[in-house]
PDB file of all heavy atoms in Angstrom:
ATOM      1  N   THR A   1     -17.474  21.464  -4.079  1.00  0.00           N
ATOM      2  CA  THR A   1     -16.637  22.656  -4.274  1.00  0.00           C
ATOM      3  C   THR A   1     -15.170  22.317  -4.538  1.00  0.00           C
ATOM      4  O   THR A   1     -14.272  23.018  -4.173  1.00  0.00           O
ATOM      5  CB  THR A   1     -16.737  23.630  -3.099  1.00  0.00           C
ATOM      6  OG1 THR A   1     -16.397  22.879  -1.928  1.00  0.00           O
ATOM      7  CG2 THR A   1     -18.127  24.176  -2.962  1.00  0.00           C
ATOM      8  N   LEU A   2     -14.931  21.189  -5.285  1.00  0.00           N
ATOM      9  CA  LEU A   2     -13.569  20.830  -5.557  1.00  0.00           C
ATOM     10  C   LEU A   2     -12.850  21.842  -6.465  1.00  0.00           C
ATOM     11  O   LEU A   2     -11.620  21.925  -6.515  1.00  0.00           O
ATOM     12  CB  LEU A   2     -13.534  19.436  -6.243  1.00  0.00           C
ATOM     13  CG  LEU A   2     -13.623  18.249  -5.311  1.00  0.00           C
ATOM     14  CD1 LEU A   2     -13.717  16.948  -6.158  1.00  0.00           C
ATOM     15  CD2 LEU A   2     -12.478  18.146  -4.374  1.00  0.00           C
ATOM     16  N   ASP A   3     -13.676  22.658  -7.163  1.00  0.00           N
ATOM     17  CA  ASP A   3     -13.081  23.673  -8.028  1.00  0.00           C
ATOM     18  C   ASP A   3     -12.467  24.807  -7.246  1.00  0.00           C
ATOM     19  O   ASP A   3     -11.726  25.657  -7.807  1.00  0.00           O
ATOM     20  CB  ASP A   3     -14.087  24.213  -9.031  1.00  0.00           C
ATOM     21  CG  ASP A   3     -15.363  24.777  -8.313  1.00  0.00           C
ATOM     22  OD1 ASP A   3     -15.663  24.309  -7.231  1.00  0.00           O
ATOM     23  OD2 ASP A   3     -15.961  25.699  -8.858  1.00  0.00           O
ATOM     24  N   GLN A   4     -12.649  24.839  -5.954  1.00  0.00           N
ATOM     25  CA  GLN A   4     -12.108  25.922  -5.133  1.00  0.00           C
ATOM     26  C   GLN A   4     -10.771  25.618  -4.455  1.00  0.00           C
ATOM     27  O   GLN A   4     -10.244  26.458  -3.732  1.00  0.00           O
ATOM     28  CB  GLN A   4     -13.143  26.277  -4.007  1.00  0.00           C
ATOM     29  CG  GLN A   4     -14.465  26.841  -4.573  1.00  0.00           C
ATOM     30  CD  GLN A   4     -15.439  27.125  -3.499  1.00  0.00           C
ATOM     31  OE1 GLN A   4     -15.124  27.206  -2.342  1.00  0.00           O
ATOM     32  NE2 GLN A   4     -16.700  27.282  -3.904  1.00  0.00           N
ATOM     33  N   ILE A   5     -10.177  24.391  -4.686  1.00  0.00           N
ATOM     34  CA  ILE A   5      -8.948  24.047  -4.017  1.00  0.00           C
ATOM     35  C   ILE A   5      -7.960  23.459  -4.973  1.00  0.00           C
ATOM     36  O   ILE A   5      -8.269  23.000  -6.069  1.00  0.00           O
ATOM     37  CB  ILE A   5      -9.198  23.052  -2.856  1.00  0.00           C
ATOM     38  CG1 ILE A   5      -9.903  21.794  -3.381  1.00  0.00           C
ATOM     39  CG2 ILE A   5      -9.916  23.672  -1.725  1.00  0.00           C
ATOM     40  CD1 ILE A   5      -9.880  20.642  -2.390  1.00  0.00           C
ATOM     41  N   ASP A   6      -6.697  23.496  -4.543  1.00  0.00           N
ATOM     42  CA  ASP A   6      -5.595  22.811  -5.220  1.00  0.00           C
ATOM     43  C   ASP A   6      -4.894  21.917  -4.207  1.00  0.00           C
ATOM     44  O   ASP A   6      -5.002  22.123  -2.996  1.00  0.00           O
ATOM     45  CB  ASP A   6      -4.558  23.851  -5.787  1.00  0.00           C
ATOM     46  CG  ASP A   6      -5.136  24.640  -6.926  1.00  0.00           C
ATOM     47  OD1 ASP A   6      -5.654  24.026  -7.886  1.00  0.00           O
ATOM     48  OD2 ASP A   6      -5.090  25.858  -6.852  1.00  0.00           O
ATOM     49  N   LEU A   7      -4.179  20.938  -4.726  1.00  0.00           N
ATOM     50  CA  LEU A   7      -3.431  20.043  -3.836  1.00  0.00           C
ATOM     51  C   LEU A   7      -1.952  20.316  -3.842  1.00  0.00           C
ATOM     52  O   LEU A   7      -1.397  20.701  -4.868  1.00  0.00           O
ATOM     53  CB  LEU A   7      -3.637  18.577  -4.283  1.00  0.00           C
ATOM     54  CG  LEU A   7      -5.083  18.049  -4.239  1.00  0.00           C
ATOM     55  CD1 LEU A   7      -5.193  16.661  -4.749  1.00  0.00           C
ATOM     56  CD2 LEU A   7      -5.667  18.173  -2.825  1.00  0.00           C
ATOM     57  N   GLU A   8      -1.307  20.164  -2.706  1.00  0.00           N
ATOM     58  CA  GLU A   8       0.124  20.380  -2.563  1.00  0.00           C
ATOM     59  C   GLU A   8       0.796  19.036  -2.337  1.00  0.00           C
ATOM     60  O   GLU A   8       0.354  18.248  -1.479  1.00  0.00           O
ATOM     61  CB  GLU A   8       0.431  21.324  -1.405  1.00  0.00           C
ATOM     62  CG  GLU A   8       1.897  21.755  -1.312  1.00  0.00           C
ATOM     63  CD  GLU A   8       2.146  22.658  -0.121  1.00  0.00           C
ATOM     64  OE1 GLU A   8       1.160  23.015   0.596  1.00  0.00           O
ATOM     65  OE2 GLU A   8       3.348  22.939   0.134  1.00  0.00           O
ATOM     66  N   TRP A   9       1.953  18.798  -3.070  1.00  0.00           N
ATOM     67  CA  TRP A   9       2.591  17.551  -3.006  1.00  0.00           C
ATOM     68  C   TRP A   9       4.038  17.658  -2.587  1.00  0.00           C
ATOM     69  O   TRP A   9       4.738  18.633  -2.937  1.00  0.00           O
ATOM     70  CB  TRP A   9       2.538  16.841  -4.384  1.00  0.00           C
ATOM     71  CG  TRP A   9       1.179  16.616  -4.856  1.00  0.00           C
ATOM     72  CD1 TRP A   9       0.416  17.380  -5.704  1.00  0.00           C
ATOM     73  CD2 TRP A   9       0.324  15.510  -4.463  1.00  0.00           C
ATOM     74  NE1 TRP A   9      -0.836  16.834  -5.832  1.00  0.00           N
ATOM     75  CE2 TRP A   9      -0.924  15.709  -5.119  1.00  0.00           C
ATOM     76  CE3 TRP A   9       0.540  14.439  -3.632  1.00  0.00           C
ATOM     77  CZ2 TRP A   9      -1.964  14.782  -4.929  1.00  0.00           C
ATOM     78  CZ3 TRP A   9      -0.523  13.530  -3.434  1.00  0.00           C
ATOM     79  CH2 TRP A   9      -1.742  13.696  -4.131  1.00  0.00           C
ATOM     80  N   ASP A  10       4.517  16.669  -1.891  1.00  0.00           N
ATOM     81  CA  ASP A  10       5.965  16.534  -1.547  1.00  0.00           C
ATOM     82  C   ASP A  10       6.693  16.248  -2.936  1.00  0.00           C
ATOM     83  O   ASP A  10       6.218  15.456  -3.695  1.00  0.00           O
ATOM     84  CB  ASP A  10       6.154  15.388  -0.584  1.00  0.00           C
ATOM     85  CG  ASP A  10       7.549  15.315   0.013  1.00  0.00           C
ATOM     86  OD1 ASP A  10       8.522  15.462  -0.774  1.00  0.00           O
ATOM     87  OD2 ASP A  10       7.652  15.201   1.272  1.00  0.00           O
ATOM     88  N   ARG A  11       7.779  16.990  -3.145  1.00  0.00           N
ATOM     89  CA  ARG A  11       8.478  16.857  -4.422  1.00  0.00           C
ATOM     90  C   ARG A  11       9.159  15.530  -4.539  1.00  0.00           C
ATOM     91  O   ARG A  11       9.572  15.074  -5.619  1.00  0.00           O
ATOM     92  CB  ARG A  11       9.547  17.997  -4.543  1.00  0.00           C
ATOM     93  CG  ARG A  11      10.568  17.946  -3.500  1.00  0.00           C
ATOM     94  CD  ARG A  11      11.702  18.884  -3.705  1.00  0.00           C
ATOM     95  NE  ARG A  11      12.692  18.786  -2.612  1.00  0.00           N
ATOM     96  CZ  ARG A  11      13.568  17.785  -2.475  1.00  0.00           C
ATOM     97  NH1 ARG A  11      13.614  16.835  -3.352  1.00  0.00           N
ATOM     98  NH2 ARG A  11      14.340  17.716  -1.459  1.00  0.00           N
ATOM     99  N   ARG A  12       9.386  14.826  -3.385  1.00  0.00           N
ATOM    100  CA  ARG A  12      10.055  13.545  -3.402  1.00  0.00           C
ATOM    101  C   ARG A  12       9.236  12.404  -3.975  1.00  0.00           C
ATOM    102  O   ARG A  12       8.038  12.526  -4.141  1.00  0.00           O
ATOM    103  CB  ARG A  12      10.529  13.192  -1.993  1.00  0.00           C
ATOM    104  CG  ARG A  12      11.595  14.071  -1.408  1.00  0.00           C
ATOM    105  CD  ARG A  12      11.904  13.768   0.039  1.00  0.00           C
ATOM    106  NE  ARG A  12      10.735  14.151   0.906  1.00  0.00           N
ATOM    107  CZ  ARG A  12      10.721  13.863   2.224  1.00  0.00           C
ATOM    108  NH1 ARG A  12      11.740  13.274   2.825  1.00  0.00           N
ATOM    109  NH2 ARG A  12       9.664  14.257   2.921  1.00  0.00           N
ATOM    110  N   ILE A  13       9.907  11.326  -4.334  1.00  0.00           N
ATOM    111  CA  ILE A  13       9.271  10.110  -4.795  1.00  0.00           C
ATOM    112  C   ILE A  13       8.883   9.248  -3.601  1.00  0.00           C
ATOM    113  O   ILE A  13       9.642   9.144  -2.643  1.00  0.00           O
ATOM    114  CB  ILE A  13      10.190   9.337  -5.753  1.00  0.00           C
ATOM    115  CG1 ILE A  13      10.296   9.991  -7.116  1.00  0.00           C
ATOM    116  CG2 ILE A  13       9.692   7.885  -5.923  1.00  0.00           C
ATOM    117  CD1 ILE A  13      11.184  11.158  -7.233  1.00  0.00           C
ATOM    118  N   ALA A  14       7.702   8.633  -3.676  1.00  0.00           N
ATOM    119  CA  ALA A  14       7.275   7.669  -2.642  1.00  0.00           C
ATOM    120  C   ALA A  14       7.133   6.292  -3.311  1.00  0.00           C
ATOM    121  O   ALA A  14       6.646   6.183  -4.402  1.00  0.00           O
ATOM    122  CB  ALA A  14       5.932   8.037  -1.979  1.00  0.00           C
ATOM    123  N   LEU A  15       7.611   5.261  -2.647  1.00  0.00           N
ATOM    124  CA  LEU A  15       7.601   3.930  -3.177  1.00  0.00           C
ATOM    125  C   LEU A  15       7.199   2.945  -2.122  1.00  0.00           C
ATOM    126  O   LEU A  15       7.708   2.986  -0.978  1.00  0.00           O
ATOM    127  CB  LEU A  15       9.008   3.585  -3.769  1.00  0.00           C
ATOM    128  CG  LEU A  15       9.139   2.237  -4.492  1.00  0.00           C
ATOM    129  CD1 LEU A  15      10.131   2.346  -5.674  1.00  0.00           C
ATOM    130  CD2 LEU A  15       9.665   1.134  -3.524  1.00  0.00           C
ATOM    131  N   GLY A  16       6.262   2.044  -2.450  1.00  0.00           N
ATOM    132  CA  GLY A  16       5.801   1.048  -1.501  1.00  0.00           C
ATOM    133  C   GLY A  16       5.972  -0.383  -2.037  1.00  0.00           C
ATOM    134  O   GLY A  16       5.649  -0.632  -3.208  1.00  0.00           O
ATOM    135  N   VAL A  17       6.468  -1.251  -1.146  1.00  0.00           N
ATOM    136  CA  VAL A  17       6.647  -2.647  -1.523  1.00  0.00           C
ATOM    137  C   VAL A  17       5.727  -3.526  -0.667  1.00  0.00           C
ATOM    138  O   VAL A  17       5.712  -3.411   0.555  1.00  0.00           O
ATOM    139  CB  VAL A  17       8.118  -3.071  -1.258  1.00  0.00           C
ATOM    140  CG1 VAL A  17       8.325  -4.537  -1.643  1.00  0.00           C
ATOM    141  CG2 VAL A  17       9.082  -2.174  -1.967  1.00  0.00           C
ATOM    142  N   VAL A  18       4.929  -4.360  -1.325  1.00  0.00           N
ATOM    143  CA  VAL A  18       3.949  -5.187  -0.629  1.00  0.00           C
ATOM    144  C   VAL A  18       4.639  -6.512  -0.232  1.00  0.00           C
ATOM    145  O   VAL A  18       5.380  -7.123  -1.003  1.00  0.00           O
ATOM    146  CB  VAL A  18       2.750  -5.504  -1.567  1.00  0.00           C
ATOM    147  CG1 VAL A  18       1.923  -6.679  -1.005  1.00  0.00           C
ATOM    148  CG2 VAL A  18       1.887  -4.293  -1.751  1.00  0.00           C
ATOM    149  N   MET A  19       4.432  -6.886   1.021  1.00  0.00           N
ATOM    150  CA  MET A  19       4.799  -8.218   1.525  1.00  0.00           C
ATOM    151  C   MET A  19       3.503  -9.044   1.632  1.00  0.00           C
ATOM    152  O   MET A  19       2.574  -8.645   2.334  1.00  0.00           O
ATOM    153  CB  MET A  19       5.431  -8.118   2.889  1.00  0.00           C
ATOM    154  CG  MET A  19       6.699  -7.270   2.911  1.00  0.00           C
ATOM    155  SD  MET A  19       7.497  -7.213   4.577  1.00  0.00           S
ATOM    156  CE  MET A  19       8.219  -8.828   4.666  1.00  0.00           C
ATOM    157  N   ALA A  20       3.478 -10.153   0.859  1.00  0.00           N
ATOM    158  CA  ALA A  20       2.250 -11.010   0.778  1.00  0.00           C
ATOM    159  C   ALA A  20       2.501 -12.313   1.479  1.00  0.00           C
ATOM    160  O   ALA A  20       3.612 -12.794   1.738  1.00  0.00           O
ATOM    161  CB  ALA A  20       1.927 -11.235  -0.660  1.00  0.00           C
ATOM    162  N   ALA A  21       1.381 -12.976   1.821  1.00  0.00           N
ATOM    163  CA  ALA A  21       1.420 -14.246   2.526  1.00  0.00           C
ATOM    164  C   ALA A  21       1.815 -15.399   1.575  1.00  0.00           C
ATOM    165  O   ALA A  21       1.595 -15.326   0.363  1.00  0.00           O
ATOM    166  CB  ALA A  21       0.068 -14.508   3.168  1.00  0.00           C
ATOM    167  N   GLU A  22       2.293 -16.447   2.186  1.00  0.00           N
ATOM    168  CA  GLU A  22       2.525 -17.641   1.365  1.00  0.00           C
ATOM    169  C   GLU A  22       1.234 -18.116   0.743  1.00  0.00           C
ATOM    170  O   GLU A  22       0.189 -18.108   1.372  1.00  0.00           O
ATOM    171  CB  GLU A  22       3.142 -18.769   2.290  1.00  0.00           C
ATOM    172  CG  GLU A  22       3.487 -20.033   1.484  1.00  0.00           C
ATOM    173  CD  GLU A  22       4.266 -21.024   2.294  1.00  0.00           C
ATOM    174  OE1 GLU A  22       5.294 -20.613   2.901  1.00  0.00           O
ATOM    175  OE2 GLU A  22       3.883 -22.239   2.339  1.00  0.00           O
ATOM    176  N   GLY A  23       1.344 -18.540  -0.505  1.00  0.00           N
ATOM    177  CA  GLY A  23       0.124 -19.050  -1.236  1.00  0.00           C
ATOM    178  C   GLY A  23      -0.654 -17.963  -2.003  1.00  0.00           C
ATOM    179  O   GLY A  23      -1.544 -18.281  -2.760  1.00  0.00           O
ATOM    180  N   TYR A  24      -0.332 -16.682  -1.730  1.00  0.00           N
ATOM    181  CA  TYR A  24      -1.016 -15.572  -2.450  1.00  0.00           C
ATOM    182  C   TYR A  24      -0.617 -15.634  -3.906  1.00  0.00           C
ATOM    183  O   TYR A  24       0.528 -15.967  -4.196  1.00  0.00           O
ATOM    184  CB  TYR A  24      -0.594 -14.248  -1.862  1.00  0.00           C
ATOM    185  CG  TYR A  24      -1.252 -13.027  -2.505  1.00  0.00           C
ATOM    186  CD1 TYR A  24      -2.593 -12.733  -2.258  1.00  0.00           C
ATOM    187  CD2 TYR A  24      -0.512 -12.241  -3.368  1.00  0.00           C
ATOM    188  CE1 TYR A  24      -3.135 -11.623  -2.841  1.00  0.00           C
ATOM    189  CE2 TYR A  24      -1.127 -11.120  -3.931  1.00  0.00           C
ATOM    190  CZ  TYR A  24      -2.419 -10.837  -3.672  1.00  0.00           C
ATOM    191  OH  TYR A  24      -2.980  -9.727  -4.265  1.00  0.00           O
ATOM    192  N   PRO A  25      -1.495 -15.409  -4.906  1.00  0.00           N
ATOM    193  CA  PRO A  25      -2.818 -14.853  -4.759  1.00  0.00           C
ATOM    194  C   PRO A  25      -3.972 -15.854  -4.636  1.00  0.00           C
ATOM    195  O   PRO A  25      -5.072 -15.520  -4.228  1.00  0.00           O
ATOM    196  CB  PRO A  25      -3.028 -14.047  -6.070  1.00  0.00           C
ATOM    197  CG  PRO A  25      -2.181 -14.810  -7.073  1.00  0.00           C
ATOM    198  CD  PRO A  25      -1.033 -15.361  -6.331  1.00  0.00           C
ATOM    199  N   LEU A  26      -3.752 -17.184  -5.014  1.00  0.00           N
ATOM    200  CA  LEU A  26      -4.911 -18.109  -5.021  1.00  0.00           C
ATOM    201  C   LEU A  26      -5.285 -18.637  -3.623  1.00  0.00           C
ATOM    202  O   LEU A  26      -6.488 -18.737  -3.373  1.00  0.00           O
ATOM    203  CB  LEU A  26      -4.589 -19.263  -5.957  1.00  0.00           C
ATOM    204  CG  LEU A  26      -4.736 -19.000  -7.427  1.00  0.00           C
ATOM    205  CD1 LEU A  26      -4.388 -20.246  -8.304  1.00  0.00           C
ATOM    206  CD2 LEU A  26      -6.124 -18.462  -7.792  1.00  0.00           C
ATOM    207  N   ALA A  27      -4.313 -18.951  -2.752  1.00  0.00           N
ATOM    208  CA  ALA A  27      -4.666 -19.574  -1.516  1.00  0.00           C
ATOM    209  C   ALA A  27      -3.717 -19.076  -0.389  1.00  0.00           C
ATOM    210  O   ALA A  27      -2.868 -19.795   0.054  1.00  0.00           O
ATOM    211  CB  ALA A  27      -4.610 -21.147  -1.605  1.00  0.00           C
ATOM    212  N   PRO A  28      -3.861 -17.833   0.004  1.00  0.00           N
ATOM    213  CA  PRO A  28      -2.995 -17.263   1.024  1.00  0.00           C
ATOM    214  C   PRO A  28      -3.134 -17.952   2.368  1.00  0.00           C
ATOM    215  O   PRO A  28      -4.224 -18.217   2.806  1.00  0.00           O
ATOM    216  CB  PRO A  28      -3.364 -15.790   1.086  1.00  0.00           C
ATOM    217  CG  PRO A  28      -4.734 -15.720   0.553  1.00  0.00           C
ATOM    218  CD  PRO A  28      -4.850 -16.842  -0.458  1.00  0.00           C
ATOM    219  N   ARG A  29      -1.972 -18.247   3.023  1.00  0.00           N
ATOM    220  CA  ARG A  29      -1.985 -18.821   4.345  1.00  0.00           C
ATOM    221  C   ARG A  29      -2.182 -17.710   5.395  1.00  0.00           C
ATOM    222  O   ARG A  29      -1.639 -16.613   5.251  1.00  0.00           O
ATOM    223  CB  ARG A  29      -0.672 -19.541   4.580  1.00  0.00           C
ATOM    224  CG  ARG A  29      -0.650 -20.388   5.817  1.00  0.00           C
ATOM    225  CD  ARG A  29       0.628 -21.222   5.911  1.00  0.00           C
ATOM    226  NE  ARG A  29       1.778 -20.395   6.230  1.00  0.00           N
ATOM    227  CZ  ARG A  29       3.013 -20.772   6.050  1.00  0.00           C
ATOM    228  NH1 ARG A  29       3.284 -21.953   5.539  1.00  0.00           N
ATOM    229  NH2 ARG A  29       4.064 -20.003   6.364  1.00  0.00           N
ATOM    230  N   LYS A  30      -2.934 -18.007   6.445  1.00  0.00           N
ATOM    231  CA  LYS A  30      -3.155 -17.043   7.519  1.00  0.00           C
ATOM    232  C   LYS A  30      -2.565 -17.554   8.807  1.00  0.00           C
ATOM    233  O   LYS A  30      -2.391 -18.738   9.004  1.00  0.00           O
ATOM    234  CB  LYS A  30      -4.689 -16.794   7.669  1.00  0.00           C
ATOM    235  CG  LYS A  30      -5.305 -16.223   6.393  1.00  0.00           C
ATOM    236  CD  LYS A  30      -6.817 -15.996   6.598  1.00  0.00           C
ATOM    237  CE  LYS A  30      -7.458 -15.538   5.261  1.00  0.00           C
ATOM    238  NZ  LYS A  30      -8.929 -15.356   5.440  1.00  0.00           N
ATOM    239  N   GLY A  31      -2.371 -16.619   9.761  1.00  0.00           N
ATOM    240  CA  GLY A  31      -1.990 -17.033  11.115  1.00  0.00           C
ATOM    241  C   GLY A  31      -0.506 -16.944  11.410  1.00  0.00           C
ATOM    242  O   GLY A  31      -0.130 -17.245  12.565  1.00  0.00           O
ATOM    243  N   ASP A  32       0.335 -16.550  10.436  1.00  0.00           N
ATOM    244  CA  ASP A  32       1.779 -16.488  10.716  1.00  0.00           C
ATOM    245  C   ASP A  32       2.121 -15.265  11.601  1.00  0.00           C
ATOM    246  O   ASP A  32       1.549 -14.199  11.404  1.00  0.00           O
ATOM    247  CB  ASP A  32       2.566 -16.451   9.423  1.00  0.00           C
ATOM    248  CG  ASP A  32       2.574 -17.760   8.691  1.00  0.00           C
ATOM    249  OD1 ASP A  32       2.900 -18.779   9.334  1.00  0.00           O
ATOM    250  OD2 ASP A  32       2.180 -17.819   7.489  1.00  0.00           O
ATOM    251  N   LEU A  33       3.039 -15.465  12.553  1.00  0.00           N
ATOM    252  CA  LEU A  33       3.502 -14.394  13.422  1.00  0.00           C
ATOM    253  C   LEU A  33       4.344 -13.381  12.694  1.00  0.00           C
ATOM    254  O   LEU A  33       5.219 -13.765  11.949  1.00  0.00           O
ATOM    255  CB  LEU A  33       4.249 -14.991  14.595  1.00  0.00           C
ATOM    256  CG  LEU A  33       4.687 -14.057  15.705  1.00  0.00           C
ATOM    257  CD1 LEU A  33       3.482 -13.485  16.481  1.00  0.00           C
ATOM    258  CD2 LEU A  33       5.616 -14.779  16.679  1.00  0.00           C
ATOM    259  N   ILE A  34       4.067 -12.103  12.889  1.00  0.00           N
ATOM    260  CA  ILE A  34       4.830 -11.057  12.194  1.00  0.00           C
ATOM    261  C   ILE A  34       5.742 -10.348  13.243  1.00  0.00           C
ATOM    262  O   ILE A  34       5.280  -9.969  14.327  1.00  0.00           O
ATOM    263  CB  ILE A  34       3.889 -10.000  11.560  1.00  0.00           C
ATOM    264  CG1 ILE A  34       2.887 -10.697  10.618  1.00  0.00           C
ATOM    265  CG2 ILE A  34       4.690  -8.910  10.821  1.00  0.00           C
ATOM    266  CD1 ILE A  34       1.737  -9.757  10.249  1.00  0.00           C
ATOM    267  N   GLY A  35       6.987 -10.143  12.856  1.00  0.00           N
ATOM    268  CA  GLY A  35       7.919  -9.401  13.725  1.00  0.00           C
ATOM    269  C   GLY A  35       8.764  -8.438  13.005  1.00  0.00           C
ATOM    270  O   GLY A  35       8.899  -8.449  11.770  1.00  0.00           O
TER     271      GLY A  35
END
């Protein structure tokens, strides 16, 4: 019943920045402490 609803959006812009591990994308390192 998706035809029965509409979506409401925040008028603001949202932006996301990815923080990746050392070695990404081919050989990412694991186990580093995050703070």
